[in-house]
Amino acid sequence: MPDHREFIRGIPKAELHLHIEGSLEPELMFALGKRNRVRLPYDSVEAVRQAYRFVDLQSFLDVYYNGARVLVTEQDFYDLTWAYLEKCREQNILHTEIFFDPQTHTDRGISFGTVVNGIHGALEDGGNHLGISSGLILCFLRHLSAEAAMATLDRALPFQDRIIAVGLDSSERGHPPEKFASVFDRARAEGFLTVAHAGEEGPPAYIWGALDCLQVSRIDHGIRCEEDDRLMKRLVQEQVPLTVCPLSNTALKVFGHMREHNLKRLMDAGVCTTVNSDDPAYFGGYLNENLYAITEAFELNQSEIAGLMKNAFNASFLDASKKRFFLNEVAEFENAAGAPEARQ
């Protein structure tokens, strides 16, 4: 099988499923903990990495929320976001739409403005100095109440010019999308776009709920759609994008091994799939590493890899002219590379 790593490194990319708090590398976690005098339950960077042996989503979230405690000041959120943007530059990610979880921070006394201003400042500088296009998506924590989500939406309204969409994340089991119907109705009325995590650990019914009740533009994860033939037909017919996170899915034991992942079956069925890194500091890799893993597991060719990138730009919240620009960049790169095995 040809080695496509050079092709993967070079192709222009978009990432649509990235939790900025999940990009907190252990080294930065310790540095911020020291800066803010936050005591961590780990005595070394290696001890943190040892904690990254998850058995399911909740075991990850326990570590994730604990690490987020080191984020206190606007500068902390700036530094966190800037570190991810530098990774984007290294991996040729030209556009990224990142999630943030304000409730993780406001519930421990950090102001909403501190969080969003720090992240937004880095995104602005990333555009000006690194040439990276970006958007910011506010996620409600689904294990908390709809009332708490509505209060968070209220806090977000003064910052609406900095937030392109709202989403739904955290513990999926037992928290169907319908729980947040009124919150999403109001968010749409206020002009926000909508996305939602669904069908990662939750059943296909949660994907239906996200589409019909929350009226989302795309589904984050969505991998359990395969269990419902009627849902699969709808996803293909309407070309609803799925933001799939392969290394995350294997790290959290949704699939035992990458070869067992259903991404390639979804691709072959005509579902609009995209590849993303989710919480890369915790799951063993950023976007390129996810692409390396699936390319090896499924023996993808260059045309299929390029197709995933085209899907990502098409599924983004960029305007039509910017989408055309980035899609042309992908096509030019693909043509220059030749994709020889795709023509055989």
C-alpha atoms as a PDB file:
ATOM      1  CA  MET A   1       0.000   0.000   0.000  1.00  0.00           C
ATOM      2  CA  PRO A   2       1.382   3.469  -0.896  1.00  0.00           C
ATOM      3  CA  ASP A   3       2.388   5.750   1.982  1.00  0.00           C
ATOM      4  CA  HIS A   4       0.149   8.816   1.779  1.00  0.00           C
ATOM      5  CA  ARG A   5       1.583  10.711   4.745  1.00  0.00           C
ATOM      6  CA  GLU A   6       3.203  13.365   2.592  1.00  0.00           C
ATOM      7  CA  PHE A   7      -0.093  13.866   0.745  1.00  0.00           C
ATOM      8  CA  ILE A   8      -1.966  14.124   4.056  1.00  0.00           C
ATOM      9  CA  ARG A   9       0.519  16.623   5.455  1.00  0.00           C
ATOM     10  CA  GLY A  10       0.244  18.848   2.420  1.00  0.00           C
ATOM     11  CA  ILE A  11      -3.428  18.839   1.553  1.00  0.00           C
ATOM     12  CA  PRO A  12      -5.421  21.932   2.674  1.00  0.00           C
ATOM     13  CA  LYS A  13      -7.738  20.992   5.534  1.00  0.00           C
ATOM     14  CA  ALA A  14     -10.731  22.122   7.539  1.00  0.00           C
ATOM     15  CA  GLU A  15     -11.610  20.892  11.030  1.00  0.00           C
ATOM     16  CA  LEU A  16     -15.190  21.105  12.310  1.00  0.00           C
ATOM     17  CA  HIS A  17     -15.145  19.113  15.562  1.00  0.00           C
ATOM     18  CA  LEU A  18     -12.525  20.343  17.998  1.00  0.00           C
ATOM     19  CA  HIS A  19     -13.125  21.108  21.678  1.00  0.00           C
ATOM     20  CA  ILE A  20     -10.629  23.800  22.558  1.00  0.00           C
ATOM     21  CA  GLU A  21     -10.450  22.615  26.163  1.00  0.00           C
ATOM     22  CA  GLY A  22      -9.626  19.183  24.774  1.00  0.00           C
ATOM     23  CA  SER A  23      -6.481  20.545  23.134  1.00  0.00           C
ATOM     24  CA  LEU A  24      -4.940  21.276  26.558  1.00  0.00           C
ATOM     25  CA  GLU A  25      -1.668  19.367  26.422  1.00  0.00           C
ATOM     26  CA  PRO A  26      -0.227  18.141  29.763  1.00  0.00           C
ATOM     27  CA  GLU A  27       2.746  20.477  29.509  1.00  0.00           C
ATOM     28  CA  LEU A  28       0.494  23.521  29.168  1.00  0.00           C
ATOM     29  CA  MET A  29      -1.810  22.155  31.862  1.00  0.00           C
ATOM     30  CA  PHE A  30       1.089  22.098  34.311  1.00  0.00           C
ATOM     31  CA  ALA A  31       2.347  25.524  33.212  1.00  0.00           C
ATOM     32  CA  LEU A  32      -1.071  27.125  33.691  1.00  0.00           C
ATOM     33  CA  GLY A  33      -1.600  25.282  36.968  1.00  0.00           C
ATOM     34  CA  LYS A  34       1.648  26.760  38.249  1.00  0.00           C
ATOM     35  CA  ARG A  35       0.786  30.226  36.903  1.00  0.00           C
ATOM     36  CA  ASN A  36      -2.601  30.204  38.638  1.00  0.00           C
ATOM     37  CA  ARG A  37      -1.594  28.191  41.711  1.00  0.00           C
ATOM     38  CA  VAL A  38      -4.089  25.447  40.896  1.00  0.00           C
ATOM     39  CA  ARG A  39      -3.130  22.136  42.470  1.00  0.00           C
ATOM     40  CA  LEU A  40      -3.506  19.171  40.133  1.00  0.00           C
ATOM     41  CA  PRO A  41      -4.001  15.554  41.273  1.00  0.00           C
ATOM     42  CA  TYR A  42      -0.960  14.547  39.207  1.00  0.00           C
ATOM     43  CA  ASP A  43       2.700  14.956  40.106  1.00  0.00           C
ATOM     44  CA  SER A  44       4.109  14.940  36.576  1.00  0.00           C
ATOM     45  CA  VAL A  45       3.283  15.230  32.897  1.00  0.00           C
ATOM     46  CA  GLU A  46       3.743  11.473  32.612  1.00  0.00           C
ATOM     47  CA  ALA A  47       1.201  10.915  35.398  1.00  0.00           C
ATOM     48  CA  VAL A  48      -1.320  12.953  33.434  1.00  0.00           C
ATOM     49  CA  ARG A  49      -0.703  10.861  30.340  1.00  0.00           C
ATOM     50  CA  GLN A  50      -1.143   7.698  32.389  1.00  0.00           C
ATOM     51  CA  ALA A  51      -4.621   8.954  33.309  1.00  0.00           C
ATOM     52  CA  TYR A  52      -5.523   8.987  29.603  1.00  0.00           C
ATOM     53  CA  ARG A  53      -6.550   5.342  29.618  1.00  0.00           C
ATOM     54  CA  PHE A  54     -10.266   5.665  29.211  1.00  0.00           C
ATOM     55  CA  VAL A  55     -12.945   2.998  29.286  1.00  0.00           C
ATOM     56  CA  ASP A  56     -15.800   5.207  28.068  1.00  0.00           C
ATOM     57  CA  LEU A  57     -16.907   8.795  27.538  1.00  0.00           C
ATOM     58  CA  GLN A  58     -17.512   9.495  31.229  1.00  0.00           C
ATOM     59  CA  SER A  59     -14.047   8.331  32.295  1.00  0.00           C
ATOM     60  CA  PHE A  60     -12.619  10.845  29.828  1.00  0.00           C
ATOM     61  CA  LEU A  61     -14.906  13.659  30.961  1.00  0.00           C
ATOM     62  CA  ASP A  62     -13.792  13.185  34.564  1.00  0.00           C
ATOM     63  CA  VAL A  63     -10.181  13.931  33.552  1.00  0.00           C
ATOM     64  CA  TYR A  64     -11.213  16.624  31.065  1.00  0.00           C
ATOM     65  CA  TYR A  65     -13.148  18.709  33.580  1.00  0.00           C
ATOM     66  CA  ASN A  66     -10.408  18.335  36.167  1.00  0.00           C
ATOM     67  CA  GLY A  67      -7.774  19.652  33.742  1.00  0.00           C
ATOM     68  CA  ALA A  68      -9.940  22.607  32.736  1.00  0.00           C
ATOM     69  CA  ARG A  69      -9.601  24.022  36.265  1.00  0.00           C
ATOM     70  CA  VAL A  70      -6.220  25.504  35.329  1.00  0.00           C
ATOM     71  CA  LEU A  71      -7.933  27.883  32.869  1.00  0.00           C
ATOM     72  CA  VAL A  72      -8.608  31.021  34.885  1.00  0.00           C
ATOM     73  CA  THR A  73      -7.615  34.237  33.083  1.00  0.00           C
ATOM     74  CA  GLU A  74      -8.244  35.660  29.626  1.00  0.00           C
ATOM     75  CA  GLN A  75      -4.557  35.041  28.878  1.00  0.00           C
ATOM     76  CA  ASP A  76      -4.989  31.351  29.748  1.00  0.00           C
ATOM     77  CA  PHE A  77      -7.758  30.955  27.178  1.00  0.00           C
ATOM     78  CA  TYR A  78      -5.697  32.898  24.654  1.00  0.00           C
ATOM     79  CA  ASP A  79      -2.644  30.691  25.233  1.00  0.00           C
ATOM     80  CA  LEU A  80      -4.719  27.515  24.961  1.00  0.00           C
ATOM     81  CA  THR A  81      -6.267  28.606  21.681  1.00  0.00           C
ATOM     82  CA  TRP A  82      -3.005  29.918  20.256  1.00  0.00           C
ATOM     83  CA  ALA A  83      -1.300  26.573  20.941  1.00  0.00           C
ATOM     84  CA  TYR A  84      -4.011  24.833  18.895  1.00  0.00           C
ATOM     85  CA  LEU A  85      -3.710  27.386  16.082  1.00  0.00           C
ATOM     86  CA  GLU A  86       0.021  26.767  15.887  1.00  0.00           C
ATOM     87  CA  LYS A  87      -0.811  23.080  15.470  1.00  0.00           C
ATOM     88  CA  CYS A  88      -3.221  24.058  12.694  1.00  0.00           C
ATOM     89  CA  ARG A  89      -0.437  25.913  10.903  1.00  0.00           C
ATOM     90  CA  GLU A  90       1.843  22.886  11.289  1.00  0.00           C
ATOM     91  CA  GLN A  91      -0.825  20.538   9.889  1.00  0.00           C
ATOM     92  CA  ASN A  92      -2.050  22.876   7.109  1.00  0.00           C
ATOM     93  CA  ILE A  93      -5.520  23.352   8.611  1.00  0.00           C
ATOM     94  CA  LEU A  94      -6.730  26.470   6.817  1.00  0.00           C
ATOM     95  CA  HIS A  95     -10.149  26.713   8.479  1.00  0.00           C
ATOM     96  CA  THR A  96     -11.333  25.516  11.878  1.00  0.00           C
ATOM     97  CA  GLU A  97     -14.637  25.756  13.734  1.00  0.00           C
ATOM     98  CA  ILE A  98     -13.938  25.162  17.392  1.00  0.00           C
ATOM     99  CA  PHE A  99     -16.215  24.314  20.305  1.00  0.00           C
ATOM    100  CA  PHE A 100     -15.947  25.849  23.741  1.00  0.00           C
ATOM    101  CA  ASP A 101     -17.806  24.899  26.923  1.00  0.00           C
ATOM    102  CA  PRO A 102     -18.529  28.113  28.860  1.00  0.00           C
ATOM    103  CA  GLN A 103     -20.441  26.330  31.632  1.00  0.00           C
ATOM    104  CA  THR A 104     -17.298  24.382  32.525  1.00  0.00           C
ATOM    105  CA  HIS A 105     -15.807  27.733  33.479  1.00  0.00           C
ATOM    106  CA  THR A 106     -18.707  29.962  34.552  1.00  0.00           C
ATOM    107  CA  ASP A 107     -19.853  27.303  37.038  1.00  0.00           C
ATOM    108  CA  ARG A 108     -16.526  27.762  38.852  1.00  0.00           C
ATOM    109  CA  GLY A 109     -16.678  31.533  38.897  1.00  0.00           C
ATOM    110  CA  ILE A 110     -14.953  32.510  35.633  1.00  0.00           C
ATOM    111  CA  SER A 111     -16.838  35.192  33.733  1.00  0.00           C
ATOM    112  CA  PHE A 112     -18.265  34.428  30.295  1.00  0.00           C
ATOM    113  CA  GLY A 113     -16.377  37.413  28.891  1.00  0.00           C
ATOM    114  CA  THR A 114     -13.039  36.125  30.196  1.00  0.00           C
ATOM    115  CA  VAL A 115     -13.550  32.861  28.327  1.00  0.00           C
ATOM    116  CA  VAL A 116     -14.846  34.175  25.027  1.00  0.00           C
ATOM    117  CA  ASN A 117     -12.515  37.185  24.856  1.00  0.00           C
ATOM    118  CA  GLY A 118      -9.425  35.061  25.399  1.00  0.00           C
ATOM    119  CA  ILE A 119     -10.423  32.528  22.746  1.00  0.00           C
ATOM    120  CA  HIS A 120     -11.627  35.171  20.299  1.00  0.00           C
ATOM    121  CA  GLY A 121      -8.433  37.198  20.698  1.00  0.00           C
ATOM    122  CA  ALA A 122      -6.339  34.221  19.692  1.00  0.00           C
ATOM    123  CA  LEU A 123      -8.628  33.410  16.756  1.00  0.00           C
ATOM    124  CA  GLU A 124      -8.350  37.009  15.546  1.00  0.00           C
ATOM    125  CA  ASP A 125      -4.560  36.873  15.765  1.00  0.00           C
ATOM    126  CA  GLY A 126      -4.599  33.471  14.079  1.00  0.00           C
ATOM    127  CA  GLY A 127      -6.371  35.014  11.123  1.00  0.00           C
ATOM    128  CA  ASN A 128      -4.125  38.050  10.979  1.00  0.00           C
ATOM    129  CA  HIS A 129      -0.755  36.398  11.591  1.00  0.00           C
ATOM    130  CA  LEU A 130      -1.174  32.730  10.615  1.00  0.00           C
ATOM    131  CA  GLY A 131      -3.779  33.068   7.868  1.00  0.00           C
ATOM    132  CA  ILE A 132      -6.123  30.597   9.599  1.00  0.00           C
ATOM    133  CA  SER A 133      -9.840  31.152   9.084  1.00  0.00           C
ATOM    134  CA  SER A 134     -12.012  30.232  12.074  1.00  0.00           C
ATOM    135  CA  GLY A 135     -15.401  30.229  13.755  1.00  0.00           C
ATOM    136  CA  LEU A 136     -16.445  29.730  17.378  1.00  0.00           C
ATOM    137  CA  ILE A 137     -19.271  27.433  18.516  1.00  0.00           C
ATOM    138  CA  LEU A 138     -20.749  27.581  22.025  1.00  0.00           C
ATOM    139  CA  CYS A 139     -21.659  24.151  23.378  1.00  0.00           C
ATOM    140  CA  PHE A 140     -24.211  23.563  26.130  1.00  0.00           C
ATOM    141  CA  LEU A 141     -23.391  20.795  28.597  1.00  0.00           C
ATOM    142  CA  ARG A 142     -26.177  18.270  28.200  1.00  0.00           C
ATOM    143  CA  HIS A 143     -25.716  16.680  31.633  1.00  0.00           C
ATOM    144  CA  LEU A 144     -26.818  20.023  33.117  1.00  0.00           C
ATOM    145  CA  SER A 145     -30.353  21.402  32.932  1.00  0.00           C
ATOM    146  CA  ALA A 146     -32.066  23.141  30.056  1.00  0.00           C
ATOM    147  CA  GLU A 147     -32.538  26.102  32.404  1.00  0.00           C
ATOM    148  CA  ALA A 148     -28.762  26.325  32.868  1.00  0.00           C
ATOM    149  CA  ALA A 149     -28.313  26.193  29.096  1.00  0.00           C
ATOM    150  CA  MET A 150     -30.839  29.003  28.635  1.00  0.00           C
ATOM    151  CA  ALA A 151     -28.980  31.119  31.184  1.00  0.00           C
ATOM    152  CA  THR A 152     -25.763  30.485  29.248  1.00  0.00           C
ATOM    153  CA  LEU A 153     -27.473  31.567  26.042  1.00  0.00           C
ATOM    154  CA  ASP A 154     -28.470  34.793  27.794  1.00  0.00           C
ATOM    155  CA  ARG A 155     -24.835  35.379  28.733  1.00  0.00           C
ATOM    156  CA  ALA A 156     -23.776  34.760  25.140  1.00  0.00           C
ATOM    157  CA  LEU A 157     -26.036  37.339  23.498  1.00  0.00           C
ATOM    158  CA  PRO A 158     -23.740  40.350  24.163  1.00  0.00           C
ATOM    159  CA  PHE A 159     -20.960  38.389  22.438  1.00  0.00           C
ATOM    160  CA  GLN A 160     -23.000  37.164  19.497  1.00  0.00           C
ATOM    161  CA  ASP A 161     -20.700  38.794  16.960  1.00  0.00           C
ATOM    162  CA  ARG A 162     -17.985  36.374  18.097  1.00  0.00           C
ATOM    163  CA  ILE A 163     -20.028  33.131  18.066  1.00  0.00           C
ATOM    164  CA  ILE A 164     -21.311  31.524  14.863  1.00  0.00           C
ATOM    165  CA  ALA A 165     -23.358  28.651  16.292  1.00  0.00           C
ATOM    166  CA  VAL A 166     -24.472  26.751  19.364  1.00  0.00           C
ATOM    167  CA  GLY A 167     -24.006  23.041  19.972  1.00  0.00           C
ATOM    168  CA  LEU A 168     -24.598  20.303  22.508  1.00  0.00           C
ATOM    169  CA  ASP A 169     -21.932  18.090  24.096  1.00  0.00           C
ATOM    170  CA  SER A 170     -20.865  16.228  27.263  1.00  0.00           C
ATOM    171  CA  SER A 171     -22.493  13.024  28.587  1.00  0.00           C
ATOM    172  CA  GLU A 172     -24.907  11.757  25.953  1.00  0.00           C
ATOM    173  CA  ARG A 173     -26.591   8.799  27.646  1.00  0.00           C
ATOM    174  CA  GLY A 174     -29.883   9.757  29.262  1.00  0.00           C
ATOM    175  CA  HIS A 175     -29.846  13.283  27.833  1.00  0.00           C
ATOM    176  CA  PRO A 176     -31.784  13.301  24.555  1.00  0.00           C
ATOM    177  CA  PRO A 177     -31.747  16.345  22.287  1.00  0.00           C
ATOM    178  CA  GLU A 178     -35.407  17.050  23.027  1.00  0.00           C
ATOM    179  CA  LYS A 179     -34.379  18.133  26.541  1.00  0.00           C
ATOM    180  CA  PHE A 180     -32.953  21.315  24.959  1.00  0.00           C
ATOM    181  CA  ALA A 181     -35.681  22.048  22.399  1.00  0.00           C
ATOM    182  CA  SER A 182     -36.640  25.436  23.865  1.00  0.00           C
ATOM    183  CA  VAL A 183     -32.996  26.525  24.137  1.00  0.00           C
ATOM    184  CA  PHE A 184     -32.270  25.709  20.505  1.00  0.00           C
ATOM    185  CA  ASP A 185     -35.549  27.304  19.369  1.00  0.00           C
ATOM    186  CA  ARG A 186     -34.472  30.537  21.006  1.00  0.00           C
ATOM    187  CA  ALA A 187     -30.896  30.271  19.726  1.00  0.00           C
ATOM    188  CA  ARG A 188     -32.153  29.929  16.153  1.00  0.00           C
ATOM    189  CA  ALA A 189     -34.534  32.860  16.691  1.00  0.00           C
ATOM    190  CA  GLU A 190     -31.564  34.932  17.842  1.00  0.00           C
ATOM    191  CA  GLY A 191     -29.713  34.068  14.630  1.00  0.00           C
ATOM    192  CA  PHE A 192     -27.359  31.292  15.736  1.00  0.00           C
ATOM    193  CA  LEU A 193     -26.659  28.259  13.571  1.00  0.00           C
ATOM    194  CA  THR A 194     -27.013  24.905  15.347  1.00  0.00           C
ATOM    195  CA  VAL A 195     -25.103  21.629  15.626  1.00  0.00           C
ATOM    196  CA  ALA A 196     -25.263  18.812  18.180  1.00  0.00           C
ATOM    197  CA  HIS A 197     -23.372  15.755  19.346  1.00  0.00           C
ATOM    198  CA  ALA A 198     -25.590  12.742  18.717  1.00  0.00           C
ATOM    199  CA  GLY A 199     -25.172   9.048  18.067  1.00  0.00           C
ATOM    200  CA  GLU A 200     -21.742   8.617  19.661  1.00  0.00           C
ATOM    201  CA  GLU A 201     -22.851   6.621  22.697  1.00  0.00           C
ATOM    202  CA  GLY A 202     -26.499   7.592  22.377  1.00  0.00           C
ATOM    203  CA  PRO A 203     -28.875   5.707  20.041  1.00  0.00           C
ATOM    204  CA  PRO A 204     -29.919   6.636  16.488  1.00  0.00           C
ATOM    205  CA  ALA A 205     -33.044   8.198  18.001  1.00  0.00           C
ATOM    206  CA  TYR A 206     -30.827  10.988  19.307  1.00  0.00           C
ATOM    207  CA  ILE A 207     -29.723  11.749  15.746  1.00  0.00           C
ATOM    208  CA  TRP A 208     -33.354  11.953  14.662  1.00  0.00           C
ATOM    209  CA  GLY A 209     -34.006  14.268  17.607  1.00  0.00           C
ATOM    210  CA  ALA A 210     -31.081  16.513  16.754  1.00  0.00           C
ATOM    211  CA  LEU A 211     -32.265  16.805  13.145  1.00  0.00           C
ATOM    212  CA  ASP A 212     -35.989  17.229  13.746  1.00  0.00           C
ATOM    213  CA  CYS A 213     -36.184  18.893  17.142  1.00  0.00           C
ATOM    214  CA  LEU A 214     -33.007  20.959  17.264  1.00  0.00           C
ATOM    215  CA  GLN A 215     -32.909  21.470  13.450  1.00  0.00           C
ATOM    216  CA  VAL A 216     -29.134  21.170  13.319  1.00  0.00           C
ATOM    217  CA  SER A 217     -27.010  21.828  10.248  1.00  0.00           C
ATOM    218  CA  ARG A 218     -24.706  18.892  10.956  1.00  0.00           C
ATOM    219  CA  ILE A 219     -24.320  15.996  13.389  1.00  0.00           C
ATOM    220  CA  ASP A 220     -21.223  15.716  15.566  1.00  0.00           C
ATOM    221  CA  HIS A 221     -20.115  12.053  15.647  1.00  0.00           C
ATOM    222  CA  GLY A 222     -23.299  10.349  14.379  1.00  0.00           C
ATOM    223  CA  ILE A 223     -21.599   6.993  13.973  1.00  0.00           C
ATOM    224  CA  ARG A 224     -24.523   4.954  15.341  1.00  0.00           C
ATOM    225  CA  CYS A 225     -26.641   6.043  12.371  1.00  0.00           C
ATOM    226  CA  GLU A 226     -25.707   2.748  10.749  1.00  0.00           C
ATOM    227  CA  GLU A 227     -28.104   0.942  13.110  1.00  0.00           C
ATOM    228  CA  ASP A 228     -31.127   2.584  11.435  1.00  0.00           C
ATOM    229  CA  ASP A 229     -31.607   2.004   7.702  1.00  0.00           C
ATOM    230  CA  ARG A 230     -34.196   4.751   7.381  1.00  0.00           C
ATOM    231  CA  LEU A 231     -31.868   7.228   9.074  1.00  0.00           C
ATOM    232  CA  MET A 232     -29.026   6.234   6.774  1.00  0.00           C
ATOM    233  CA  LYS A 233     -31.210   6.900   3.742  1.00  0.00           C
ATOM    234  CA  ARG A 234     -32.096  10.318   5.094  1.00  0.00           C
ATOM    235  CA  LEU A 235     -28.486  11.253   5.814  1.00  0.00           C
ATOM    236  CA  VAL A 236     -27.478  10.279   2.281  1.00  0.00           C
ATOM    237  CA  GLN A 237     -30.455  11.929   0.596  1.00  0.00           C
ATOM    238  CA  GLU A 238     -30.099  15.217   2.522  1.00  0.00           C
ATOM    239  CA  GLN A 239     -26.286  15.046   2.662  1.00  0.00           C
ATOM    240  CA  VAL A 240     -26.292  15.850   6.375  1.00  0.00           C
ATOM    241  CA  PRO A 241     -22.630  16.152   7.379  1.00  0.00           C
ATOM    242  CA  LEU A 242     -21.232  13.943  10.135  1.00  0.00           C
ATOM    243  CA  THR A 243     -18.148  15.211  11.981  1.00  0.00           C
ATOM    244  CA  VAL A 244     -16.509  11.873  12.740  1.00  0.00           C
ATOM    245  CA  CYS A 245     -13.601  11.581  15.207  1.00  0.00           C
ATOM    246  CA  PRO A 246     -11.855   8.221  14.652  1.00  0.00           C
ATOM    247  CA  LEU A 247      -9.093   8.333  17.292  1.00  0.00           C
ATOM    248  CA  SER A 248     -11.609   9.568  19.840  1.00  0.00           C
ATOM    249  CA  ASN A 249     -13.947   6.690  19.035  1.00  0.00           C
ATOM    250  CA  THR A 250     -11.251   4.090  19.555  1.00  0.00           C
ATOM    251  CA  ALA A 251      -9.815   5.788  22.669  1.00  0.00           C
ATOM    252  CA  LEU A 252     -13.280   5.758  24.276  1.00  0.00           C
ATOM    253  CA  LYS A 253     -13.915   2.146  23.235  1.00  0.00           C
ATOM    254  CA  VAL A 254     -16.817   2.909  20.925  1.00  0.00           C
ATOM    255  CA  PHE A 255     -14.823   0.690  18.557  1.00  0.00           C
ATOM    256  CA  GLY A 256     -12.248  -1.780  19.810  1.00  0.00           C
ATOM    257  CA  HIS A 257      -9.825  -1.140  16.960  1.00  0.00           C
ATOM    258  CA  MET A 258      -9.630   1.320  14.082  1.00  0.00           C
ATOM    259  CA  ARG A 259     -10.226  -1.477  11.577  1.00  0.00           C
ATOM    260  CA  GLU A 260     -13.623  -1.997  13.252  1.00  0.00           C
ATOM    261  CA  HIS A 261     -14.654   1.645  12.781  1.00  0.00           C
ATOM    262  CA  ASN A 262     -17.570   2.187  10.402  1.00  0.00           C
ATOM    263  CA  LEU A 263     -16.196   5.346   8.753  1.00  0.00           C
ATOM    264  CA  LYS A 264     -15.333   3.620   5.480  1.00  0.00           C
ATOM    265  CA  ARG A 265     -18.753   1.967   5.309  1.00  0.00           C
ATOM    266  CA  LEU A 266     -20.386   5.361   5.830  1.00  0.00           C
ATOM    267  CA  MET A 267     -18.203   6.849   3.101  1.00  0.00           C
ATOM    268  CA  ASP A 268     -19.053   4.023   0.697  1.00  0.00           C
ATOM    269  CA  ALA A 269     -22.766   4.413   1.469  1.00  0.00           C
ATOM    270  CA  GLY A 270     -22.629   8.044   0.375  1.00  0.00           C
ATOM    271  CA  VAL A 271     -22.898   9.731   3.778  1.00  0.00           C
ATOM    272  CA  CYS A 272     -21.214  13.150   3.917  1.00  0.00           C
ATOM    273  CA  THR A 273     -18.413  12.271   6.353  1.00  0.00           C
ATOM    274  CA  THR A 274     -15.685  14.528   7.677  1.00  0.00           C
ATOM    275  CA  VAL A 275     -12.694  13.644   9.865  1.00  0.00           C
ATOM    276  CA  ASN A 276     -11.779  15.597  12.997  1.00  0.00           C
ATOM    277  CA  SER A 277      -9.724  15.285  16.183  1.00  0.00           C
ATOM    278  CA  ASP A 278     -12.316  16.030  18.920  1.00  0.00           C
ATOM    279  CA  ASP A 279     -10.055  16.302  22.026  1.00  0.00           C
ATOM    280  CA  PRO A 280      -6.614  15.702  20.530  1.00  0.00           C
ATOM    281  CA  ALA A 281      -4.527  16.184  23.685  1.00  0.00           C
ATOM    282  CA  TYR A 282      -6.404  13.283  25.255  1.00  0.00           C
ATOM    283  CA  PHE A 283      -6.970  10.932  22.323  1.00  0.00           C
ATOM    284  CA  GLY A 284      -3.544  10.567  20.770  1.00  0.00           C
ATOM    285  CA  GLY A 285      -3.502  12.910  17.838  1.00  0.00           C
ATOM    286  CA  TYR A 286      -4.607  15.951  15.882  1.00  0.00           C
ATOM    287  CA  LEU A 287      -6.201  15.955  12.454  1.00  0.00           C
ATOM    288  CA  ASN A 288      -3.215  14.578  10.550  1.00  0.00           C
ATOM    289  CA  GLU A 289      -2.844  11.696  13.009  1.00  0.00           C
ATOM    290  CA  ASN A 290      -6.519  10.828  12.540  1.00  0.00           C
ATOM    291  CA  LEU A 291      -6.021  10.834   8.788  1.00  0.00           C
ATOM    292  CA  TYR A 292      -2.913   8.660   9.060  1.00  0.00           C
ATOM    293  CA  ALA A 293      -4.832   6.149  11.195  1.00  0.00           C
ATOM    294  CA  ILE A 294      -7.857   5.805   8.921  1.00  0.00           C
ATOM    295  CA  THR A 295      -5.762   5.750   5.758  1.00  0.00           C
ATOM    296  CA  GLU A 296      -3.769   2.833   7.108  1.00  0.00           C
ATOM    297  CA  ALA A 297      -6.784   0.997   8.519  1.00  0.00           C
ATOM    298  CA  PHE A 298      -8.975   1.325   5.419  1.00  0.00           C
ATOM    299  CA  GLU A 299      -6.280   1.617   2.710  1.00  0.00           C
ATOM    300  CA  LEU A 300      -7.717   4.913   1.507  1.00  0.00           C
ATOM    301  CA  ASN A 301      -6.412   6.387  -1.713  1.00  0.00           C
ATOM    302  CA  GLN A 302      -5.581  10.028  -2.330  1.00  0.00           C
ATOM    303  CA  SER A 303      -8.911  10.699  -4.011  1.00  0.00           C
ATOM    304  CA  GLU A 304     -10.782   9.438  -0.937  1.00  0.00           C
ATOM    305  CA  ILE A 305      -8.627  11.550   1.396  1.00  0.00           C
ATOM    306  CA  ALA A 306      -9.246  14.610  -0.751  1.00  0.00           C
ATOM    307  CA  GLY A 307     -12.953  13.803  -0.747  1.00  0.00           C
ATOM    308  CA  LEU A 308     -13.021  13.971   3.040  1.00  0.00           C
ATOM    309  CA  MET A 309     -11.395  17.398   2.940  1.00  0.00           C
ATOM    310  CA  LYS A 310     -13.851  18.634   0.311  1.00  0.00           C
ATOM    311  CA  ASN A 311     -16.692  17.420   2.515  1.00  0.00           C
ATOM    312  CA  ALA A 312     -15.265  19.367   5.447  1.00  0.00           C
ATOM    313  CA  PHE A 313     -15.083  22.655   3.555  1.00  0.00           C
ATOM    314  CA  ASN A 314     -18.559  22.093   2.095  1.00  0.00           C
ATOM    315  CA  ALA A 315     -19.943  21.293   5.559  1.00  0.00           C
ATOM    316  CA  SER A 316     -18.357  24.366   7.146  1.00  0.00           C
ATOM    317  CA  PHE A 317     -20.167  27.589   7.991  1.00  0.00           C
ATOM    318  CA  LEU A 318     -18.044  29.570   5.547  1.00  0.00           C
ATOM    319  CA  ASP A 319     -19.859  31.644   2.964  1.00  0.00           C
ATOM    320  CA  ALA A 320     -20.124  30.333  -0.597  1.00  0.00           C
ATOM    321  CA  SER A 321     -17.224  32.351  -1.999  1.00  0.00           C
ATOM    322  CA  LYS A 322     -14.825  31.236   0.727  1.00  0.00           C
ATOM    323  CA  LYS A 323     -15.912  27.636   0.285  1.00  0.00           C
ATOM    324  CA  ARG A 324     -15.149  27.876  -3.433  1.00  0.00           C
ATOM    325  CA  PHE A 325     -11.742  29.343  -2.673  1.00  0.00           C
ATOM    326  CA  PHE A 326     -10.762  26.531  -0.294  1.00  0.00           C
ATOM    327  CA  LEU A 327     -12.274  23.819  -2.491  1.00  0.00           C
ATOM    328  CA  ASN A 328     -10.163  25.107  -5.376  1.00  0.00           C
ATOM    329  CA  GLU A 329      -7.101  24.898  -3.117  1.00  0.00           C
ATOM    330  CA  VAL A 330      -7.873  21.240  -2.390  1.00  0.00           C
ATOM    331  CA  ALA A 331      -8.515  20.452  -6.054  1.00  0.00           C
ATOM    332  CA  GLU A 332      -5.289  22.129  -7.170  1.00  0.00           C
ATOM    333  CA  PHE A 333      -3.289  20.218  -4.573  1.00  0.00           C
ATOM    334  CA  GLU A 334      -4.937  16.928  -5.546  1.00  0.00           C
ATOM    335  CA  ASN A 335      -4.291  17.518  -9.243  1.00  0.00           C
ATOM    336  CA  ALA A 336      -0.669  18.426  -8.616  1.00  0.00           C
ATOM    337  CA  ALA A 337      -0.202  15.264  -6.552  1.00  0.00           C
ATOM    338  CA  GLY A 338      -1.722  13.219  -9.347  1.00  0.00           C
ATOM    339  CA  ALA A 339      -3.611  10.698  -7.210  1.00  0.00           C
ATOM    340  CA  PRO A 340      -2.135   7.935  -9.426  1.00  0.00           C
ATOM    341  CA  GLU A 341      -3.738   4.960  -7.710  1.00  0.00           C
ATOM    342  CA  ALA A 342      -7.193   6.545  -7.942  1.00  0.00           C
ATOM    343  CA  ARG A 343      -6.954   6.422 -11.753  1.00  0.00           C
ATOM    344  CA  GLN A 344      -6.079   2.761 -11.946  1.00  0.00           C
END
